[in-house]
N, C-alpha and C. Protein backbone atom coordinates (compact mmCIF):
# COMPACT_ATOMS: atom_id res chain seq x y z
N UNK A 1 -48.37 39.98 227.24
CA UNK A 1 -47.63 40.73 228.04
C UNK A 1 -47.71 42.29 227.55
N UNK A 2 -48.46 43.29 228.72
CA UNK A 2 -48.88 44.44 228.67
C UNK A 2 -47.65 45.66 228.92
N UNK A 3 -47.58 46.83 227.65
CA UNK A 3 -46.61 47.68 227.93
C UNK A 3 -47.20 48.96 227.74
N UNK A 4 -46.44 50.09 228.36
CA UNK A 4 -47.23 50.84 228.40
C UNK A 4 -46.10 51.74 227.28
N UNK A 5 -46.50 52.70 226.68
CA UNK A 5 -45.63 53.14 225.17
C UNK A 5 -45.92 54.81 225.37
N UNK A 6 -44.74 55.79 226.07
CA UNK A 6 -44.96 57.19 225.90
C UNK A 6 -44.90 57.46 224.12
N UNK A 7 -45.77 58.05 223.86
CA UNK A 7 -46.42 58.21 222.88
C UNK A 7 -46.57 59.91 222.47
N UNK A 8 -45.78 60.78 221.69
CA UNK A 8 -45.41 62.03 221.74
C UNK A 8 -46.54 62.63 220.12
N UNK A 9 -46.60 61.47 219.45
CA UNK A 9 -47.20 62.05 218.19
C UNK A 9 -45.55 62.32 217.24
N UNK A 10 -44.48 62.33 217.54
CA UNK A 10 -43.60 62.54 216.67
C UNK A 10 -42.80 60.97 216.15
N UNK A 11 -42.09 61.46 214.93
CA UNK A 11 -41.32 60.38 214.50
C UNK A 11 -40.81 59.32 215.56
N UNK A 12 -39.75 59.68 216.41
CA UNK A 12 -39.47 58.31 217.14
C UNK A 12 -40.54 57.62 218.10
N UNK A 13 -41.55 58.66 219.10
CA UNK A 13 -41.91 57.33 219.67
C UNK A 13 -42.92 56.54 218.69
N UNK A 14 -43.81 57.17 217.40
CA UNK A 14 -44.28 56.02 216.80
C UNK A 14 -43.57 54.74 216.25
N UNK A 15 -42.50 55.30 215.75
CA UNK A 15 -41.55 54.05 215.56
C UNK A 15 -41.26 52.97 216.88
N UNK A 16 -41.72 53.61 218.30
CA UNK A 16 -41.15 52.73 219.43
C UNK A 16 -42.43 51.82 219.45
N UNK A 17 -43.59 52.76 219.27
CA UNK A 17 -45.22 51.76 219.36
C UNK A 17 -44.64 50.67 218.26
N UNK A 18 -44.60 50.74 216.92
CA UNK A 18 -44.51 49.87 216.15
C UNK A 18 -43.64 48.66 216.84
N UNK A 19 -42.39 49.21 216.95
CA UNK A 19 -41.68 47.94 217.85
C UNK A 19 -42.28 47.14 218.66
N UNK A 20 -42.82 47.68 219.73
CA UNK A 20 -43.11 47.26 220.98
C UNK A 20 -44.08 46.08 220.58
N UNK A 21 -45.32 46.98 219.45
CA UNK A 21 -46.38 45.61 218.83
C UNK A 21 -45.80 44.55 218.30
N UNK A 22 -44.09 44.58 217.74
CA UNK A 22 -43.77 43.89 216.73
C UNK A 22 -43.08 42.89 217.42
N UNK A 23 -42.80 43.63 219.06
CA UNK A 23 -42.35 42.11 220.00
C UNK A 23 -43.22 41.84 220.75
N UNK A 24 -44.60 41.51 220.38
CA UNK A 24 -45.80 40.88 220.77
C UNK A 24 -46.41 41.41 222.03
N UNK A 25 -45.69 42.90 222.31
CA UNK A 25 -46.34 43.62 223.66
C UNK A 25 -48.00 44.44 223.25
N UNK A 26 -48.87 43.89 224.09
CA UNK A 26 -50.09 44.45 224.14
C UNK A 26 -50.03 46.12 224.55
N UNK A 27 -49.64 47.10 223.89
CA UNK A 27 -49.69 48.07 224.39
C UNK A 27 -50.49 49.34 224.54
N UNK A 28 -50.34 50.04 225.37
CA UNK A 28 -51.50 51.23 226.16
C UNK A 28 -50.31 52.41 226.22
N UNK A 29 -50.95 52.90 225.00
CA UNK A 29 -49.77 54.47 224.80
C UNK A 29 -50.51 55.21 225.25
N UNK A 30 -49.65 56.36 226.12
CA UNK A 30 -49.47 57.37 226.90
C UNK A 30 -49.02 58.33 226.36
N UNK A 31 -50.12 59.46 226.52
CA UNK A 31 -49.19 61.17 225.87
C UNK A 31 -49.54 61.94 227.32
N UNK A 32 -48.47 62.92 227.27
CA UNK A 32 -49.22 64.09 227.81
C UNK A 32 -49.22 65.53 227.27
N UNK A 33 -50.11 65.99 227.97
CA UNK A 33 -50.73 67.36 227.58
C UNK A 33 -50.11 68.42 228.43
N UNK A 34 -48.51 68.60 228.64
CA UNK A 34 -48.05 69.31 229.14
C UNK A 34 -48.05 70.74 229.44
N UNK A 35 -48.60 71.46 228.33
CA UNK A 35 -48.65 73.01 227.93
C UNK A 35 -48.28 73.05 227.01
N UNK A 36 -47.37 72.22 225.94
CA UNK A 36 -46.39 72.18 224.93
C UNK A 36 -46.77 73.62 224.05
N UNK A 37 -45.85 74.02 223.40
CA UNK A 37 -46.86 74.85 222.05
C UNK A 37 -46.96 74.35 221.06
N UNK A 38 -46.50 73.42 220.98
CA UNK A 38 -46.47 72.22 219.89
C UNK A 38 -47.34 71.19 220.07
N UNK A 39 -48.39 71.39 221.16
CA UNK A 39 -49.60 70.19 221.42
C UNK A 39 -50.37 69.78 220.48
N UNK A 40 -50.12 70.49 218.65
CA UNK A 40 -50.71 69.49 218.07
C UNK A 40 -50.46 68.46 218.08
N UNK A 41 -49.29 67.86 218.51
CA UNK A 41 -48.87 66.73 218.54
C UNK A 41 -49.57 65.52 219.06
N UNK A 42 -50.49 66.38 220.22
CA UNK A 42 -51.58 65.13 220.66
C UNK A 42 -52.41 64.72 219.68
N UNK A 43 -52.62 65.21 218.63
CA UNK A 43 -53.54 65.07 217.36
C UNK A 43 -52.95 63.95 216.87
N UNK A 44 -52.04 64.31 216.37
CA UNK A 44 -50.92 63.19 216.11
C UNK A 44 -50.73 61.83 216.38
N UNK A 45 -51.07 61.65 217.42
CA UNK A 45 -50.48 60.63 218.89
C UNK A 45 -51.46 60.09 218.72
N UNK A 46 -52.96 60.55 218.91
CA UNK A 46 -54.02 59.39 218.93
C UNK A 46 -54.42 58.70 217.56
N UNK A 47 -54.04 59.72 216.54
CA UNK A 47 -53.77 58.99 214.84
C UNK A 47 -52.71 57.95 214.87
N UNK A 48 -51.93 58.09 215.67
CA UNK A 48 -50.73 57.13 215.59
C UNK A 48 -51.17 55.73 216.70
N UNK A 49 -52.34 56.31 217.54
CA UNK A 49 -52.22 54.98 218.35
C UNK A 49 -53.18 54.27 217.68
N UNK A 50 -54.04 55.26 217.12
CA UNK A 50 -54.99 53.99 216.10
C UNK A 50 -54.61 53.28 215.31
N UNK A 51 -53.44 53.85 214.12
CA UNK A 51 -52.91 53.05 213.13
C UNK A 51 -52.28 51.75 213.58
N UNK A 52 -51.28 52.09 214.71
CA UNK A 52 -50.63 51.11 215.04
C UNK A 52 -50.68 49.99 215.95
N UNK A 53 -52.13 50.31 216.28
CA UNK A 53 -53.23 49.18 217.23
C UNK A 53 -52.99 49.06 218.61
N UNK A 54 -52.73 50.17 219.38
CA UNK A 54 -52.98 50.70 220.66
C UNK A 54 -53.86 50.05 221.24
N UNK A 55 -53.99 48.75 222.03
CA UNK A 55 -54.76 48.76 223.11
C UNK A 55 -56.23 49.78 223.71
N UNK A 56 -55.19 51.00 224.33
CA UNK A 56 -55.87 52.20 224.65
C UNK A 56 -54.91 53.31 224.31
N UNK A 57 -55.41 54.68 224.22
CA UNK A 57 -54.54 55.84 224.19
C UNK A 57 -55.13 56.61 225.37
N UNK A 58 -54.58 57.13 226.45
CA UNK A 58 -54.38 57.95 227.34
C UNK A 58 -53.88 59.39 227.47
N UNK A 59 -54.55 60.40 227.08
CA UNK A 59 -53.92 61.63 227.69
C UNK A 59 -54.14 62.18 229.02
N UNK A 60 -52.72 62.46 229.52
CA UNK A 60 -52.74 63.04 231.17
C UNK A 60 -52.53 64.05 230.71
N UNK A 61 -53.17 64.93 231.82
CA UNK A 61 -53.10 66.80 231.43
C UNK A 61 -52.12 67.29 232.66
N UNK A 62 -51.09 67.79 232.24
CA UNK A 62 -49.99 68.32 233.68
C UNK A 62 -49.26 69.68 233.11
N UNK A 63 -49.72 70.88 233.47
CA UNK A 63 -49.64 72.14 233.14
C UNK A 63 -48.20 72.39 233.24
N UNK A 64 -47.02 72.16 232.76
CA UNK A 64 -45.26 72.29 232.84
C UNK A 64 -45.28 74.23 232.44
N UNK A 65 -46.11 74.30 232.19
CA UNK A 65 -46.01 76.14 231.95
C UNK A 65 -46.02 76.66 233.62
N UNK A 66 -46.36 75.71 234.52
CA UNK A 66 -46.45 76.71 235.84
C UNK A 66 -44.93 77.07 236.45
N UNK A 67 -44.16 76.00 235.97
CA UNK A 67 -42.68 75.95 235.89
C UNK A 67 -41.84 76.90 234.55
N UNK A 68 -42.26 76.47 233.73
CA UNK A 68 -41.53 77.21 232.59
C UNK A 68 -40.52 76.58 232.41
N UNK A 69 -39.55 77.45 231.90
CA UNK A 69 -37.91 77.15 232.05
C UNK A 69 -37.59 76.73 230.67
N UNK A 70 -38.40 76.90 229.62
CA UNK A 70 -38.27 76.03 227.86
C UNK A 70 -39.01 76.90 227.43
N UNK A 71 -38.47 76.94 226.36
CA UNK A 71 -39.21 77.62 224.92
C UNK A 71 -40.66 76.72 224.46
N UNK A 72 -40.32 75.86 224.94
CA UNK A 72 -41.69 74.83 224.57
C UNK A 72 -42.81 74.98 225.86
N UNK A 73 -42.71 75.69 227.01
CA UNK A 73 -43.38 75.64 227.58
C UNK A 73 -43.34 77.50 228.49
N UNK A 74 -42.55 78.34 227.74
CA UNK A 74 -42.41 79.38 228.59
C UNK A 74 -42.59 80.28 226.66
N UNK A 75 -42.82 81.73 227.16
CA UNK A 75 -42.77 83.04 226.11
C UNK A 75 -41.74 83.01 225.81
N UNK A 76 -40.38 82.14 225.24
CA UNK A 76 -38.98 82.16 224.80
C UNK A 76 -39.35 81.66 223.11
N UNK A 77 -38.57 82.17 222.47
CA UNK A 77 -38.26 81.80 220.81
C UNK A 77 -37.24 80.21 220.79
N UNK A 78 -38.53 79.59 219.93
CA UNK A 78 -37.49 78.47 219.50
C UNK A 78 -36.57 78.93 218.68
N UNK A 79 -35.06 78.29 218.86
CA UNK A 79 -33.72 78.44 217.91
C UNK A 79 -34.48 77.75 216.98
N UNK A 80 -34.15 78.82 215.63
CA UNK A 80 -34.07 78.23 214.35
C UNK A 80 -32.97 78.60 213.56
N UNK A 81 -32.77 77.55 212.62
CA UNK A 81 -31.67 77.58 211.57
C UNK A 81 -30.37 77.36 212.09
N UNK A 82 -30.08 76.63 213.08
CA UNK A 82 -29.04 76.30 213.90
C UNK A 82 -28.16 75.49 212.85
N UNK A 83 -27.08 75.70 212.90
CA UNK A 83 -25.92 74.46 212.19
C UNK A 83 -26.24 73.08 212.57
N UNK A 84 -25.82 71.92 211.83
CA UNK A 84 -25.21 70.72 212.92
C UNK A 84 -24.69 70.63 214.03
N UNK A 85 -23.14 71.98 214.10
CA UNK A 85 -22.40 71.72 214.82
C UNK A 85 -23.38 72.43 216.00
N UNK A 86 -24.20 73.59 215.94
CA UNK A 86 -24.56 74.55 217.31
C UNK A 86 -25.50 73.08 217.44
N UNK A 87 -26.80 72.49 216.57
CA UNK A 87 -27.88 71.76 217.02
C UNK A 87 -26.84 70.68 218.61
N UNK A 88 -25.65 69.84 217.79
CA UNK A 88 -24.79 68.99 218.45
C UNK A 88 -24.16 69.32 220.02
N UNK A 89 -24.35 70.87 220.38
CA UNK A 89 -23.85 71.49 221.33
C UNK A 89 -23.83 71.90 222.19
N UNK A 90 -24.00 71.43 223.37
CA UNK A 90 -24.90 71.99 224.56
C UNK A 90 -26.62 71.57 224.67
N UNK A 91 -27.02 72.32 225.67
CA UNK A 91 -28.15 71.70 225.72
C UNK A 91 -29.31 73.28 225.28
N UNK A 92 -29.97 72.43 224.86
CA UNK A 92 -30.65 73.79 224.14
C UNK A 92 -31.64 74.36 225.15
N UNK A 93 -32.39 75.39 224.95
CA UNK A 93 -33.87 76.33 225.55
C UNK A 93 -35.00 75.33 225.14
N UNK A 94 -34.98 74.13 224.21
CA UNK A 94 -36.20 73.35 224.09
C UNK A 94 -36.39 72.14 224.69
N UNK A 95 -34.71 72.38 226.14
CA UNK A 95 -34.62 71.33 227.20
C UNK A 95 -36.23 71.65 228.21
N UNK A 96 -37.14 70.74 228.62
CA UNK A 96 -37.82 71.02 229.30
C UNK A 96 -37.22 70.12 230.40
N UNK A 97 -37.63 71.38 231.97
CA UNK A 97 -36.92 70.78 233.15
C UNK A 97 -37.73 69.36 233.30
N UNK A 98 -36.95 68.25 233.55
CA UNK A 98 -37.43 67.23 234.26
C UNK A 98 -38.44 66.45 233.53
N UNK A 99 -38.60 66.88 232.44
CA UNK A 99 -40.15 66.31 231.45
C UNK A 99 -39.91 64.55 231.42
N UNK A 100 -38.62 64.42 230.98
CA UNK A 100 -38.85 62.86 231.24
C UNK A 100 -39.02 61.73 232.20
N UNK A 101 -38.45 62.73 233.34
CA UNK A 101 -39.03 61.99 234.68
C UNK A 101 -40.10 61.78 234.75
N UNK A 102 -40.52 63.35 234.79
CA UNK A 102 -42.15 63.00 234.58
C UNK A 102 -43.10 62.11 233.81
N UNK A 103 -42.68 62.29 232.78
CA UNK A 103 -43.42 61.58 231.83
C UNK A 103 -43.33 60.03 232.11
N UNK A 104 -42.00 59.52 232.32
CA UNK A 104 -41.78 58.20 233.03
C UNK A 104 -42.15 58.14 234.36
N UNK A 105 -42.75 58.78 234.79
CA UNK A 105 -43.51 58.56 236.37
C UNK A 105 -44.61 58.01 236.30
N UNK A 106 -45.52 58.89 235.04
CA UNK A 106 -46.85 58.84 234.57
C UNK A 106 -46.94 57.59 234.41
N UNK A 107 -46.19 56.90 233.40
CA UNK A 107 -45.87 55.99 232.51
C UNK A 107 -45.74 54.58 233.71
N UNK A 108 -44.92 54.94 234.79
CA UNK A 108 -44.83 53.53 236.14
C UNK A 108 -46.42 53.69 236.64
N UNK A 109 -46.64 54.80 237.21
CA UNK A 109 -47.91 54.43 237.57
C UNK A 109 -49.30 54.02 237.10
N UNK A 110 -49.19 54.36 235.28
CA UNK A 110 -50.09 53.61 234.87
C UNK A 110 -49.71 51.83 234.51
N UNK A 111 -48.50 51.79 234.37
CA UNK A 111 -48.15 50.33 234.71
C UNK A 111 -48.58 49.66 235.53
N UNK A 112 -48.37 50.42 236.70
CA UNK A 112 -48.73 49.87 237.71
C UNK A 112 -50.37 49.64 238.31
N UNK A 113 -51.10 50.58 237.58
CA UNK A 113 -52.44 50.32 237.53
C UNK A 113 -52.90 48.89 236.38
N UNK A 114 -52.06 49.14 235.31
CA UNK A 114 -52.52 48.06 234.64
C UNK A 114 -51.91 46.44 234.92
N UNK A 115 -50.96 46.49 236.00
CA UNK A 115 -50.15 45.11 236.00
C UNK A 115 -49.19 44.94 235.21
N UNK A 116 -48.81 46.29 234.19
CA UNK A 116 -47.69 45.68 233.53
C UNK A 116 -46.29 46.04 233.91
N UNK A 117 -45.16 45.45 233.37
CA UNK A 117 -43.77 45.53 234.30
C UNK A 117 -42.71 46.18 232.67
N UNK A 118 -43.68 46.49 231.81
CA UNK A 118 -42.24 47.19 230.50
C UNK A 118 -43.05 48.81 230.15
N UNK A 119 -42.09 49.13 230.09
CA UNK A 119 -42.29 51.07 229.72
C UNK A 119 -41.30 51.24 228.47
N UNK A 120 -41.42 51.93 227.62
CA UNK A 120 -41.24 51.90 226.34
C UNK A 120 -41.06 53.86 225.83
N UNK A 121 -39.89 54.13 225.97
CA UNK A 121 -39.80 55.86 225.56
C UNK A 121 -38.86 56.02 224.48
N UNK A 122 -39.22 56.73 223.56
CA UNK A 122 -38.29 57.18 222.31
C UNK A 122 -36.89 57.82 222.16
N UNK A 123 -36.11 57.66 223.51
CA UNK A 123 -34.84 58.11 223.79
C UNK A 123 -33.91 57.91 222.90
N UNK A 124 -33.10 59.00 222.51
CA UNK A 124 -31.84 58.16 221.45
C UNK A 124 -30.93 59.46 222.20
N UNK A 125 -29.53 58.54 221.87
CA UNK A 125 -28.48 59.70 222.65
C UNK A 125 -27.81 60.12 221.02
N UNK A 126 -28.18 59.79 220.06
CA UNK A 126 -27.24 59.91 218.76
C UNK A 126 -27.51 61.46 217.94
N UNK A 127 -28.91 61.51 217.51
CA UNK A 127 -29.57 62.64 216.65
C UNK A 127 -30.43 63.09 217.69
N UNK A 128 -30.09 64.09 218.75
CA UNK A 128 -31.13 64.69 219.65
C UNK A 128 -30.02 65.69 219.68
N UNK A 129 -31.26 66.37 220.64
CA UNK A 129 -30.77 68.00 220.68
C UNK A 129 -29.76 68.35 222.31
N UNK A 130 -29.05 67.10 222.77
CA UNK A 130 -28.16 67.47 224.25
C UNK A 130 -29.25 67.60 225.30
N UNK A 131 -30.38 67.00 225.03
CA UNK A 131 -31.04 66.48 226.45
C UNK A 131 -30.47 65.37 226.93
N UNK A 132 -30.19 65.81 228.95
CA UNK A 132 -29.57 65.13 229.57
C UNK A 132 -30.95 63.77 230.03
N UNK A 133 -32.01 63.77 230.07
CA UNK A 133 -32.71 63.08 230.32
C UNK A 133 -32.90 62.10 228.63
N UNK A 134 -32.25 62.07 227.88
CA UNK A 134 -32.46 61.11 226.89
C UNK A 134 -31.34 60.03 227.24
N UNK A 135 -30.28 60.07 228.18
CA UNK A 135 -29.43 59.80 228.31
C UNK A 135 -29.29 57.77 228.88
N UNK A 136 -28.46 57.11 228.55
CA UNK A 136 -28.89 55.50 229.43
C UNK A 136 -28.51 55.79 230.68
N UNK A 137 -27.61 56.69 231.18
CA UNK A 137 -27.33 57.07 232.64
C UNK A 137 -28.46 57.32 232.93
N UNK A 138 -29.51 58.15 232.94
CA UNK A 138 -30.77 58.34 233.40
C UNK A 138 -31.85 57.30 233.13
N UNK A 139 -31.89 56.89 232.18
CA UNK A 139 -32.95 55.68 232.14
C UNK A 139 -32.48 54.60 232.99
N UNK A 140 -31.37 53.95 233.57
CA UNK A 140 -30.87 52.88 234.23
C UNK A 140 -31.23 53.43 235.25
N UNK A 141 -31.01 54.80 236.27
CA UNK A 141 -31.74 55.33 237.26
C UNK A 141 -32.83 55.29 237.41
N UNK A 142 -33.69 55.57 236.74
CA UNK A 142 -35.28 55.38 236.25
C UNK A 142 -35.36 54.10 237.13
N UNK A 143 -35.09 52.79 236.24
CA UNK A 143 -35.80 51.51 236.50
C UNK A 143 -35.15 51.29 237.95
N UNK A 144 -33.96 51.47 238.14
CA UNK A 144 -34.02 51.26 239.60
C UNK A 144 -34.46 51.92 240.35
N UNK A 145 -35.05 53.32 240.07
CA UNK A 145 -36.24 54.16 241.26
C UNK A 145 -37.32 53.41 240.98
N UNK A 146 -38.03 52.67 239.80
CA UNK A 146 -39.10 52.01 239.68
C UNK A 146 -39.13 50.71 240.30
N UNK A 147 -37.87 50.20 240.73
CA UNK A 147 -38.14 48.87 240.63
C UNK A 147 -37.69 49.04 242.64
N UNK A 148 -37.84 50.18 243.40
CA UNK A 148 -37.62 50.03 244.73
C UNK A 148 -38.92 51.36 245.23
N UNK A 149 -39.50 52.27 244.42
CA UNK A 149 -40.25 52.93 244.89
C UNK A 149 -41.93 52.36 244.24
N UNK A 150 -42.55 51.41 244.22
CA UNK A 150 -43.56 50.85 244.00
C UNK A 150 -44.07 49.63 244.80
N UNK A 151 -45.36 49.43 244.86
CA UNK A 151 -45.92 48.95 245.70
C UNK A 151 -45.85 46.91 245.19
N UNK A 152 -45.74 47.04 243.72
CA UNK A 152 -46.14 45.97 242.96
C UNK A 152 -44.19 45.17 242.76
N UNK A 153 -43.77 46.03 242.68
CA UNK A 153 -41.90 45.82 242.49
C UNK A 153 -41.60 45.04 244.39
N UNK A 154 -42.17 45.92 245.36
CA UNK A 154 -41.74 45.19 246.46
C UNK A 154 -42.60 44.34 246.95
N UNK A 155 -43.48 44.19 246.45
CA UNK A 155 -43.99 42.72 246.80
C UNK A 155 -44.24 41.70 245.96
N UNK A 156 -42.79 41.92 244.69
CA UNK A 156 -42.21 40.67 244.16
C UNK A 156 -43.37 40.59 242.81
N UNK A 157 -43.90 41.11 242.58
CA UNK A 157 -45.09 40.74 241.56
C UNK A 157 -44.35 40.91 240.10
N UNK A 158 -43.11 41.52 240.09
CA UNK A 158 -42.90 41.66 238.76
C UNK A 158 -41.68 42.83 238.91
N UNK A 159 -40.68 42.54 238.03
CA UNK A 159 -39.59 43.66 237.69
C UNK A 159 -39.79 44.73 236.84
N UNK A 160 -40.13 46.05 236.69
CA UNK A 160 -40.11 46.79 235.80
C UNK A 160 -38.97 46.84 234.95
N UNK A 161 -39.23 47.22 233.87
CA UNK A 161 -37.77 47.39 233.01
C UNK A 161 -38.17 48.90 232.20
N UNK A 162 -37.24 49.47 231.79
CA UNK A 162 -37.42 50.73 231.22
C UNK A 162 -36.77 50.13 229.59
N UNK A 163 -37.75 50.59 228.46
CA UNK A 163 -36.97 50.03 226.86
C UNK A 163 -37.17 51.41 226.12
N UNK A 164 -35.55 51.38 225.74
CA UNK A 164 -35.44 52.76 224.93
C UNK A 164 -34.79 52.09 223.48
N UNK A 165 -35.60 51.27 222.63
CA UNK A 165 -35.22 50.64 221.57
C UNK A 165 -34.43 51.17 220.75
N UNK A 166 -34.71 52.82 220.49
CA UNK A 166 -34.07 53.73 219.74
C UNK A 166 -32.78 54.22 219.98
N UNK A 167 -32.39 54.22 221.44
CA UNK A 167 -31.03 54.69 221.96
C UNK A 167 -29.78 55.02 221.32
N UNK A 168 -29.24 54.01 220.91
CA UNK A 168 -28.09 54.49 219.99
C UNK A 168 -28.71 54.56 218.13
N UNK A 169 -29.40 54.46 217.68
CA UNK A 169 -29.85 54.53 216.17
C UNK A 169 -29.97 56.15 215.71
N UNK A 170 -29.21 56.09 214.53
CA UNK A 170 -29.37 57.22 213.80
C UNK A 170 -30.80 57.45 213.30
N UNK A 171 -31.16 59.10 213.28
CA UNK A 171 -32.53 59.34 212.84
C UNK A 171 -32.85 58.55 211.63
N UNK A 172 -31.87 58.24 210.49
CA UNK A 172 -31.92 57.48 209.56
C UNK A 172 -32.34 56.10 209.64
N UNK A 173 -31.59 55.61 210.91
CA UNK A 173 -32.09 54.06 211.10
C UNK A 173 -32.99 53.95 211.65
N UNK A 174 -33.51 54.81 212.29
CA UNK A 174 -35.02 55.13 212.70
C UNK A 174 -35.91 54.97 211.76
N UNK A 175 -35.74 55.74 210.74
CA UNK A 175 -36.81 55.97 210.08
C UNK A 175 -36.44 54.46 209.13
N UNK A 176 -35.62 54.07 208.97
CA UNK A 176 -35.67 52.77 207.59
C UNK A 176 -36.51 51.65 208.63
N UNK A 177 -36.03 51.52 210.00
CA UNK A 177 -36.76 50.67 210.50
C UNK A 177 -38.19 50.65 210.86
N UNK A 178 -38.76 51.92 210.76
CA UNK A 178 -39.96 52.52 211.28
C UNK A 178 -40.77 52.26 209.34
N UNK A 179 -40.03 52.77 208.51
CA UNK A 179 -40.95 51.96 207.08
C UNK A 179 -41.15 50.61 206.90
N UNK A 180 -39.91 50.17 207.69
CA UNK A 180 -39.87 48.17 207.28
C UNK A 180 -41.20 48.02 208.19
N UNK A 181 -41.81 48.67 209.26
CA UNK A 181 -42.87 47.93 210.26
C UNK A 181 -44.00 48.64 209.76
N UNK A 182 -44.09 49.48 208.83
CA UNK A 182 -45.14 50.02 208.48
C UNK A 182 -45.81 51.41 209.08
N UNK A 183 -44.88 51.88 209.40
CA UNK A 183 -45.22 53.20 210.21
C UNK A 183 -45.46 54.58 208.92
N UNK A 184 -46.84 55.19 209.21
CA UNK A 184 -47.07 56.31 208.73
C UNK A 184 -46.32 57.40 208.73
N UNK A 185 -45.41 58.00 208.39
CA UNK A 185 -44.47 59.04 209.17
C UNK A 185 -45.30 60.22 208.65
N UNK A 186 -46.56 60.31 207.83
CA UNK A 186 -47.03 61.29 207.66
C UNK A 186 -48.13 61.94 208.70
N UNK A 187 -48.31 60.88 209.52
CA UNK A 187 -49.00 61.03 210.75
C UNK A 187 -48.72 61.87 211.76
N UNK A 188 -47.13 62.20 211.91
CA UNK A 188 -46.43 62.43 212.72
C UNK A 188 -46.05 63.92 212.56
N UNK A 189 -46.13 64.20 213.83
CA UNK A 189 -44.92 65.65 214.14
C UNK A 189 -44.00 66.30 215.11
N UNK A 190 -42.81 66.45 214.74
CA UNK A 190 -41.88 66.18 215.03
C UNK A 190 -41.31 67.78 215.45
N UNK A 191 -42.18 68.96 214.66
CA UNK A 191 -41.82 70.44 214.71
C UNK A 191 -42.07 70.95 216.01
N UNK A 192 -41.09 72.03 216.64
CA UNK A 192 -41.21 72.28 217.68
C UNK A 192 -42.52 73.61 217.73
N UNK A 193 -42.58 74.32 216.65
CA UNK A 193 -43.03 74.97 216.34
C UNK A 193 -44.00 75.49 214.76
N UNK A 194 -44.82 74.68 215.14
CA UNK A 194 -45.64 74.47 213.99
C UNK A 194 -47.22 75.59 213.98
N UNK A 195 -47.32 75.70 212.41
CA UNK A 195 -48.72 76.64 212.88
C UNK A 195 -50.10 76.26 213.08
N UNK A 196 -51.22 77.11 212.82
CA UNK A 196 -52.08 76.35 213.30
C UNK A 196 -52.70 75.41 212.45
N UNK A 197 -51.89 75.24 211.27
CA UNK A 197 -52.38 74.36 209.96
C UNK A 197 -51.83 73.06 210.70
N UNK A 198 -50.86 72.85 211.49
CA UNK A 198 -50.01 71.93 211.99
C UNK A 198 -49.19 72.06 210.99
N UNK A 199 -48.93 72.89 210.19
CA UNK A 199 -47.49 72.81 208.86
C UNK A 199 -46.36 73.14 209.75
N UNK A 200 -44.98 72.15 209.61
CA UNK A 200 -44.25 72.14 210.52
C UNK A 200 -43.31 73.39 209.54
N UNK A 201 -42.74 73.70 210.69
CA UNK A 201 -41.73 75.02 210.48
C UNK A 201 -40.81 75.13 209.91
N UNK A 202 -40.02 73.33 209.65
CA UNK A 202 -38.47 73.52 208.84
C UNK A 202 -37.61 73.99 209.42
N UNK A 203 -37.58 74.45 210.15
CA UNK A 203 -36.32 75.24 210.65
C UNK A 203 -35.70 75.24 211.96
N UNK A 204 -36.24 74.74 212.89
CA UNK A 204 -36.26 74.45 214.26
C UNK A 204 -35.30 73.15 214.14
N UNK A 205 -34.59 72.87 215.57
CA UNK A 205 -33.72 71.44 215.15
C UNK A 205 -34.32 70.10 215.26
N UNK A 206 -35.61 70.31 215.86
CA UNK A 206 -36.38 69.13 215.76
C UNK A 206 -36.51 68.51 213.85
N UNK A 207 -37.34 69.78 213.39
CA UNK A 207 -37.25 69.73 212.01
C UNK A 207 -35.98 69.16 210.83
N UNK A 208 -35.09 70.24 211.54
CA UNK A 208 -33.62 69.92 210.49
C UNK A 208 -33.46 68.42 210.96
N UNK A 209 -33.28 68.14 212.44
CA UNK A 209 -32.99 66.30 212.55
C UNK A 209 -33.83 65.23 211.58
N UNK A 210 -35.31 65.61 211.85
CA UNK A 210 -36.15 65.02 210.75
C UNK A 210 -35.87 64.85 209.07
N UNK A 211 -35.45 66.00 208.69
CA UNK A 211 -34.58 66.49 207.47
C UNK A 211 -33.79 65.80 206.96
N UNK A 212 -33.01 65.53 207.78
CA UNK A 212 -31.49 65.14 207.25
C UNK A 212 -32.12 63.62 207.53
N UNK A 213 -32.67 62.88 208.43
CA UNK A 213 -33.00 61.97 208.73
C UNK A 213 -33.43 61.01 207.27
N UNK A 214 -34.69 61.72 206.61
CA UNK A 214 -35.14 61.12 205.78
C UNK A 214 -33.98 61.86 204.72
N UNK A 215 -33.04 62.45 204.61
CA UNK A 215 -32.37 62.40 203.17
C UNK A 215 -31.86 61.25 203.51
N UNK A 216 -30.93 61.16 204.55
CA UNK A 216 -30.06 59.70 204.76
C UNK A 216 -30.54 58.56 204.65
N UNK A 217 -32.22 58.46 205.00
CA UNK A 217 -32.50 57.02 204.70
C UNK A 217 -33.06 56.70 203.35
N UNK A 218 -33.01 57.82 202.49
CA UNK A 218 -33.44 57.56 201.33
C UNK A 218 -34.99 57.41 201.07
N UNK A 219 -35.58 58.15 202.02
CA UNK A 219 -36.90 57.73 201.88
C UNK A 219 -37.47 59.13 202.01
N UNK A 220 -38.82 59.55 200.96
CA UNK A 220 -39.17 60.88 200.66
C UNK A 220 -39.86 61.09 202.00
N UNK A 221 -39.72 62.60 201.96
CA UNK A 221 -40.18 63.30 203.91
C UNK A 221 -41.73 63.30 203.28
N UNK A 222 -42.67 62.98 204.17
CA UNK A 222 -44.17 62.78 203.76
C UNK A 222 -44.08 64.67 204.49
N UNK A 223 -43.08 65.29 205.42
CA UNK A 223 -43.78 66.26 206.04
C UNK A 223 -44.32 67.58 205.24
N UNK A 224 -45.03 68.41 205.88
CA UNK A 224 -45.84 69.51 205.10
C UNK A 224 -45.45 70.58 205.73
N UNK A 225 -44.24 70.99 205.18
CA UNK A 225 -43.53 72.15 205.71
C UNK A 225 -44.45 73.70 205.50
N UNK A 226 -43.77 74.77 206.27
CA UNK A 226 -44.54 76.07 206.31
C UNK A 226 -44.42 76.65 204.56
């Protein structure tokens, strides 16, 4: 069975690729260069795809800086040093408008070309920063969309399924599962504001959630911080 796996180069998507491979899927990894300030993650995605046995790793370029509205795609400061209460409350400025809708749309198109009906995404509703497009309601709605908007589905060739295997796992649980599956987390980058050498800032929401996850998992954090 073929599957398209959205691969950002971060911790979660690397774990999802490993899980999809373990489930027996022939995985086609898809990354998107959308003008993100942390585009160094794309280099990490290529390394992860190779290490975890993706059949192919494709990068699509789509510049969301033309829309802006996010600290990841516009000249806005990435929040730093926020406490756990602040991270878990509200939708932060690092939310990229419609990002997962766009990414899953690209994955859906790629899947239809490949003759695949399974899409994997690293969405999570527990250790996340309040993004509305990581919720199960969104994933269910997108799956319904996929099955009424594509030639493959309307002609009865298959039913599209959106898989979010990490949806209700804590970051610590994700890390433990990834370690069990042989994921090399030193290849991944979660930071929203790395320096030019690829070192994580250690202070943004993503870095703090990553640090917390490794600490709670009892696993040494291989991240190189500034």
